[in-house]
Structures are given as C-alpha cells and as structure tokens.
Protein backbone atom coordinates (compact mmCIF):
# COMPACT_ATOMS: atom_id res chain seq x y z
CA MET A 1 -0.03 -0.01 0.07
CA PRO A 2 1.24 3.48 -0.77
CA THR A 3 1.85 5.85 2.09
CA ILE A 4 1.35 9.62 2.27
CA ASP A 5 3.71 10.90 4.83
CA LEU A 6 2.80 14.42 5.91
CA THR A 7 4.93 14.39 9.02
CA PRO A 8 7.42 17.24 9.28
CA GLN A 9 11.15 16.72 8.60
CA ILE A 10 13.29 15.91 11.63
CA LEU A 11 15.86 18.46 12.49
CA ASP A 12 17.64 17.91 15.75
CA LEU A 13 19.44 20.68 17.80
CA VAL A 14 22.37 20.54 19.95
CA LEU A 15 22.95 23.57 22.00
CA TYR A 16 25.49 24.72 24.61
CA SER A 17 24.10 26.38 27.74
CA GLY A 18 24.68 30.18 28.08
CA ASP A 19 25.35 30.62 24.26
CA GLY A 20 22.97 32.56 22.12
CA VAL A 21 21.95 30.84 18.82
CA ARG A 22 20.72 32.29 15.57
CA PHE A 23 20.11 30.31 12.45
CA ARG A 24 18.16 30.59 9.17
CA LEU A 25 15.47 28.11 8.00
CA ILE A 26 15.19 28.36 4.24
CA ILE A 27 11.99 26.66 3.12
CA THR A 28 11.63 25.55 -0.52
CA ASP A 29 9.06 23.54 -2.46
CA LYS A 30 9.95 20.30 -4.35
CA ASN A 31 11.32 22.28 -7.21
CA GLU A 32 13.63 24.19 -4.86
CA ALA A 33 11.59 27.41 -5.33
CA PRO A 34 11.31 29.55 -2.09
CA VAL A 35 7.98 29.18 -0.25
CA ASN A 36 6.40 32.60 0.75
CA LEU A 37 6.35 32.26 4.53
CA THR A 38 3.93 35.22 5.05
CA GLY A 39 1.95 34.68 8.14
CA GLU A 40 3.07 33.66 11.61
CA ILE A 41 5.82 31.27 12.56
CA LYS A 42 6.24 29.94 16.11
CA ALA A 43 9.10 27.74 17.32
CA GLN A 44 9.07 26.16 20.87
CA ILE A 45 11.09 23.94 23.11
CA ARG A 46 9.35 21.50 25.56
CA ASP A 47 10.50 18.84 27.89
CA LYS A 48 7.99 16.34 26.40
CA ARG A 49 5.77 16.40 23.25
CA ASN A 50 2.46 16.05 25.38
CA GLU A 51 3.53 18.78 27.90
CA VAL A 52 0.67 21.42 27.75
CA ASP A 53 1.71 24.02 30.37
CA LEU A 54 5.47 24.02 30.65
CA LEU A 55 7.23 25.86 27.91
CA GLU A 56 11.03 25.43 28.26
CA GLY A 57 11.92 28.00 25.55
CA GLU A 58 10.51 29.99 22.70
CA PHE A 59 12.43 31.27 19.73
CA THR A 60 12.31 34.82 18.46
CA VAL A 61 11.40 34.53 14.80
CA ASN A 62 12.33 37.30 12.34
CA LEU A 63 10.30 37.18 9.09
CA ASP A 64 11.80 40.05 7.22
CA ASP A 65 12.75 37.81 4.26
CA ALA A 66 9.55 35.67 4.60
CA VAL A 67 8.69 36.17 0.87
CA ASP A 68 12.02 34.53 0.01
CA GLY A 69 11.21 31.49 2.17
CA ILE A 70 13.50 32.56 4.93
CA ALA A 71 12.88 32.63 8.68
CA VAL A 72 15.57 33.46 11.27
CA LEU A 73 15.24 31.86 14.63
CA GLU A 74 17.01 32.98 17.75
CA LEU A 75 17.50 32.06 21.39
CA THR A 76 19.53 34.24 23.73
CA GLY A 77 22.28 32.90 25.95
CA THR A 78 19.87 33.43 28.96
CA GLN A 79 17.24 31.18 27.28
CA THR A 80 19.73 28.41 26.56
CA LEU A 81 20.97 28.64 30.17
CA ALA A 82 17.41 28.48 31.48
CA LEU A 83 17.01 25.06 29.87
CA MET A 84 19.43 23.79 32.61
CA VAL A 85 17.40 25.18 35.58
CA GLY A 86 15.69 22.42 37.55
CA LEU A 87 17.82 19.59 36.32
CA SER A 88 19.08 17.01 38.88
CA THR A 89 22.75 17.34 39.84
CA THR A 90 23.39 13.97 38.00
CA ALA A 91 21.90 15.13 34.72
CA LYS A 92 24.52 15.74 32.10
CA LYS A 93 22.35 17.70 29.78
CA PHE A 94 18.86 19.08 28.93
CA VAL A 95 16.92 16.66 26.61
CA GLY A 96 13.64 17.92 25.13
CA VAL A 97 11.76 18.38 21.90
CA TRP A 98 11.07 21.29 19.53
CA ASP A 99 9.25 22.11 16.39
CA VAL A 100 8.53 25.12 13.94
CA GLU A 101 4.90 25.80 13.13
CA TRP A 102 3.95 28.00 10.21
CA THR A 103 0.33 29.46 9.90
CA PRO A 104 -0.05 31.06 6.48
CA LEU A 105 -2.51 34.03 6.31
CA ASP A 106 -6.04 32.68 6.18
CA SER A 107 -4.84 29.02 6.41
CA GLU A 108 -4.33 26.19 8.64
CA PRO A 109 -1.03 25.60 10.57
CA ARG A 110 1.72 23.53 9.14
CA THR A 111 4.62 22.15 11.05
CA LEU A 112 7.87 22.77 9.07
CA CYS A 113 10.28 20.72 11.15
CA GLN A 114 10.59 18.89 14.41
CA GLY A 115 13.03 17.02 16.36
CA LYS A 116 14.89 16.60 19.67
CA VAL A 117 16.82 19.24 21.50
CA GLU A 118 19.94 18.63 23.67
CA CYS A 119 21.74 21.23 25.68
CA GLY A 120 24.93 20.59 27.59
CA TYR A 121 26.41 22.54 30.51
CA ASP A 122 28.87 25.18 29.74
CA VAL A 123 32.11 25.72 31.60
CA THR A 124 32.89 29.35 31.61
CA ARG A 125 30.60 31.52 33.71
C-alpha cells in the first residue's frame, strides 16, 4: 500500500548552555523554489511532546525575508542557560523536543520541522 507521509522533517538541535543561537531556516518547495512564509511562525522547546503547560523555551522569529522563504530563529544565552534550571545534579544535559509551526495567512497551521533538543552545561561563567 502506498503511504502519504505528511509528518514534518526531523531537524535535531544540539545547544550549549549560556550561548546564544541564531540560524536561518530556508523553506523551498519540491522544485527548490522559495515558499512565501507570510503569516506567523512559532518555534518552541518543551520537555516532552505532550507537555501542555510547561514551555521550556520560545524562539524569537524574524520574518523580514519571509517572501523569499527565509525565517531567522534565535535564542539568547539566557534562554539556553534556562534550559538547565531544575535539572538534577546527576543530569549531564537537557533533553527535550522542539518544532517550528507556520500558519499562512487565512490558512491552517503546518509544522515545517521537528526534532529533539539537547543542551549541555557550559564551563565558563
């Protein structure tokens, strides 16, 4: 039987606590043409997928180049450091999940990518 797989692509993140991160997502269609990302994009980190109330982190999203298929996602060093708060003293790193959801104007949401997030302790403070 053929399968139509509409799940988002997997994109895992490995972070270093206390370091800010900034990266560009470039979204293209099957012909490599940019997808106009006009609308709203949200990207969040949670401890578990089914966690409703506890939001571990939320990316700032810059859509200045949305018409060219580009979204810039950013976390501050304070935000990556906050991922480590509350971990047990034996935990070597934060492990959670994240995804990026795009809601085009007058349309239904579409998750562009999803994956796991790991964040290790930094040394220099």
